[in-house]
Amino acid sequence: MMGMQDKIMLVKIGGGPRRVRNIEFPGCLIANRRGTIACVADSRSYALLEVEHRQKIPLFPISSNDEYGEFKVEDIPSRSESPAREKVPVASNGNSGVKTHGRSTSLNAIAASSELRQQSTQPDVSGISTPDSLAEDKLPKPTSPHDRRLSIPSRSPSAAPGDGLGQKPLPPTPSPTPKKPISMLKPHIVSPTPSEFLLVTGTDASNPAVGMFVNLEGETAERGTIEFQTYPDAIVLDNGDDEDPNSHPSSDDADGYVLAVVNAAIDTEADGEVTEEKCLEVQRWDVNPGEGGRQRSLINVSLAPPVSGPVGITRTVSPNKINFADVGELLQVVRLKVPDLRTPGSMTPQKNNDPRTEASIEQLQKEKELFENDSDSSKQVKLRRGWEAERNEEELAFAKTLGYVKSNVMLWEGNQIWRVLRNPLALQLENALMLTQEVQDAKTCRIADKGAIIDMMARLDSILPRTAPESLGLNYVKQKASLLLFGDLIATNPEYQTPSAIKSVEDVLIAGELDPRIILLFTPLLREEILQGPQGIWICAGLTKVVDTLLEVSNDQDGTIKFNFTEPILRMLVRYLTSWHRKRGYGSVTDDTYVFDSVDSALLRLLLHLDATHNEVVNGKTVASDVRQELNKLVDNWKGNFTRAVELLELYQRLFVLSRLYQSRKMSGHVLRTWRRTIEGEKDVGGEMTIPAVELQVRKYLVKIRDPNLVEEYGLWLATRNPKLGIQVFSDDSSRVQFDPPQVIRILKDRAPGAVQVYLEHLVFTKNITRYADDLISYYLDTVISVLETSPEARASLTESYSTYRALRPPKPSYLSFITENAPPEPWWQSRLRLLQLLGGAARSQFTSAAALPSDLPYSISAVLERIEPFKNELVSECIILGGRQGRHDDALHLLTHGLGDYDSAIRYCLFEGSGASASHSMFSQKFSPSEGQKQLFAGLLREFLHIADPSERTERTGDLLARFAPLFDVREVLDLVPDEWSVDALSEYFARALRDLTSESRNAKVQRALSAGLNLKVCADFIKESEKIGGWIEDAGEVKPLKGGRDITAEPEAQAEGAAKNNQSPNEAGTQIRPDDTLKIS
């Protein structure tokens, strides 16, 4: 489009310029085109042109004091017309022929939208509705402070004093006030988006102006309006696109700015006068309604000498690069100068007075050197001399490239030209941070406006960087903001460290992604855990000043500012370090090995510190703190420096947690060694498990591992300390390492002799492996006899037990039950009880719920008898059992009756014929058929009872025996044995029962004889009936002939056979069968 004096020429550029068409629009001063729609302006108003169909939509005047035609679409004539002008007198009230624009605006500064205007009847010289002069008469109605009421002088020729002759002359009218001429305003049109135009309108050059957005249909856009401080001399768009000045921002996150040259009142500090200077007003145009008011910035155009001519601004075709050195100074990576930080080669274990602890750490370091030395050495870089200077040069060269900014916006005045640049994002945010500090360039950690930093961090999350410098700048600002807030928080008095303040700082720390080792620098408890590589820690140069300030305060805690690490702060650090702990494996973290190892070590130490602080002892038990679960989870999934973790756990004396750390690496030997230290009495501050619980844990652990050497070593150690628990390691069928019983017995005899007997008991009593009964009996005898040989008190104890038992009045328990319940706690007494149970065989063991032992355990009876022979008066029960095993029942009954006085056991002995004399159950109430052996034993027992020394006891026991087992004794034999002087009353119950039995036998015999007689009659009757049916026959010379009227029995052999079978198989009514011998007797 080419603007000419009276028209606009549409030219097509191809091989050469070619005119397409002319559009009649005289006086075009500025135009901006989007497709077929162009926004144009002459000296008075704006309009939209449709260049293809040559249609026009009048918009609004440039000056709101001017009037404009009705809003409607008009066709542009193909040639110019010059109709005669008419003049219409202006009504005094200003309401005659008023027409307003058909579109509404949203800014009060546009007075034209609400003024009453006088319609101009003088057409344009071009034949369209655009006015041709800014001196058009009108009477405005002011609606805002910017509007001015102007008196409009009459432009009509002088009229005669009277138009109508003979009429009374009118009274003189007051002279009209001269109207101030309408100022000429320069139109401004820019297109921020492909579907919108931004047009500027105002009243005059000294009052505020308004930028209005108009779409391609001529309607006001919903975006709202832009206000300028004064009517701009020039405006330009800066959408972040260096090529197309009218382009929309390349992404939703790009910033669209409108730059305007305005006149602003500036206060001079020298004399306090207000002067008007040229300023560059910058504001966002792409802020939608409802997002808050637009923020405007005024940049003073400091020109020397002062501006005398107009100042303009525009965009160039191509951009230029300009470097901001300040950006490089902030973002350059430099080495942090902290000399007392640890490196991998400088790690030394904590000193511990316990030699077992030192040996454990030494062995761990040797194993690490053996298995990890090759892999670690391959990762270490051997630094050459001057490496730091070379890296500084590289970082400096790279930092210089970060300050370059492209710009194609030019500002000029006269013969001077300046480049207008966007301040880099890093510098903008850096300045915002500097404004929040309490005192600039002072050694302080306090921040004047913490809320501003927090709000800024929240807004930064919505910014997506478009270039590498912007990304680095954003990261730098986030890191610095988080560091400033953390320094302010720890320098705050504890009473002001509120949960909300701590939470906001925590969120900023996590979002800032600052190297966590920097935060650890200012925490005295955790500073030792910082681990740096051979090249140290490198951070942005802009952070070093803050770090130096905080370090100075941290090292001088006697000054005015002190760091307060209260418990809420430490718990916040736990959450912060945990967030970093979860990032392990991220490739974007520089020096990830040293960073995450430092984080893990610091987190472990912090949790150990908090856990130790909150451990409480209630009723002798340690109550775990609320961080115990986090501590265990961290140790169970440990990924950090293993040696350092061992050192910390040893330092805090947390042996159980240390065992969990070893278990996370499947270091079974170290796990068992740590548990062994706990069991042997080394202090474990955590108190997670008692010593018996740890012993049980060792037993369970040994069953699960596969190393036979470890199982044997610690199984024998546990068997020495706790034989009952230790032997389970070797006897558990679910163990992954199985040992044969002979092998276990052999190694136990060598290294844990005290557990051999327990293991044999397990084999015999629990697993019923009877072939080891002889060995177990031998161990019991060794224990008991060795004590009896050397201890008169032990012999007296046995003798006393017999006398005490004999003194008990019946009913009384068996002797075995008596001594089981009342045995002294000495080990030899317990061994004797087990010996009795083993010798008895059939008794249920008190140490197991297994079935009763077999009664025929294969042990050498003679060998046992030989060993107990010297103590047969003390070991009476053993002699009884062994006598019964050998068949010497008379001796056994004699000892039971006269040695122990255990009469019930003697009766059981007879019932079971000598086996299971110690059985706890009886068969007294059961009916049974006595055997000859039982009868003989009871007869012998009767004789023993008759020899009891105490007469009353003898009479009572004998009468009871005879009454209970009367069927086993013959009355004649009893009468022969019982002394004659005994009264009948002593044996009355026996005699009554014997007589009852005899009477019962007699009556039973009579009934049996009667039943047998009846049965005989029945059989005879049945035989007679059958004989009558058959009839008589004659047997002669081997031939049988029936008598007259009889049946031929030979003719029916099958019937006879069937009848015989029936008679043989089916009983008669008396329950008997017809037998051949009965038939013969009857015949």
Foldseek 3Di string as FASTA:
>chain_A
DDADQFWRWDWDADVHIDTDAIAGDHQWDDWDDQPQWIWTDHQWFIWIARNVQQKIFTAATQALVAGFDEGDIDHGDRAFDADDFDADDADPVQQPQFDAYPAAADDLQNQRRPWTWHDGRGDDRRRDGGDDDQLDDIATDRDDPQDDGFWRDDPDPDDPQDDDPPDDGDDDDDDTDHGDRFEGADWAWAAQASFWIWTKHGRYQQQKIKIFIAGSVNHTDQQHIDIDRGRFPYKFKDFPDFADRRYHNPDPQTFIKMKTWGWDWDQDPPPRDTDTAIWIKIWTSPDGPPNDDIDIDTHGPDDPPGADFDKYKDFDRGKDKDFDVVQLQQFQKAFAPDPPAAAVVRDDFDDDPDVLLVVVLVVVVVVCCVPPVVVVVVPADDDDPPPRVVVSVVSSVVSRVLGMFIFGMWMDGDPDIDTDTDDQPLVVLVVVQQVQDDDPPDLDLAGNCLVSLLVVLVVLVVRDDDDPSNVSSSLSSLQQNLLSLVSNLQQDDPVPNDPVSLVSSLVSLLVSPHLVLLVQCLPVQQVRLQYAYPVHDMGGSNCNVSSVSSNVCSVCCVDPTHGHCDPVNLVSLLVSLVSVLVCQPDPVDPPSQRSNLSSLLSNLLSLLVVQLVPWDADPNATDTDPCVVVNLVCLLQPDHDLSSSSSSCVVSQALQSVLSNCVSVPNVVSNLSSLVCVLVPRDHSNRPDDNVVSLLVVLVVLQEDQDVVVLLVVLLVSCQVPLLSSLCSAVPPSRNDHDDVVVVLVVCVVRPVVNNLVNLCCCCQVVVPLVCLQVNLVVLLVLQVVCVVPPPVSLVVLVVLLVVQLPDDPPDDASLVVCVVVPDPDPNSVSVNVSLQSLLQQEHDPVDPDHTGHQCRPHDLVVVCVSCVVPCLRPVSSVLSSCLVVVVLLVNLLCCCAVRVRLVLLLQCLVVVSHNSVDPDDCLPPDDDDDPSSLVSLVSNLLSLCPDPDVVSSLQSNLVSCLSPVVSDDPVVVVVRDDPPDDCVSNVSNVVVVVVVVVVVVVVVVVVVVLVVVVLVVLVVVVVVVDVQQAAWDADPNDIGHDVPGDDCVVCVVVVVVVVVCQVPDADPSRHGDDPVSVVVVD
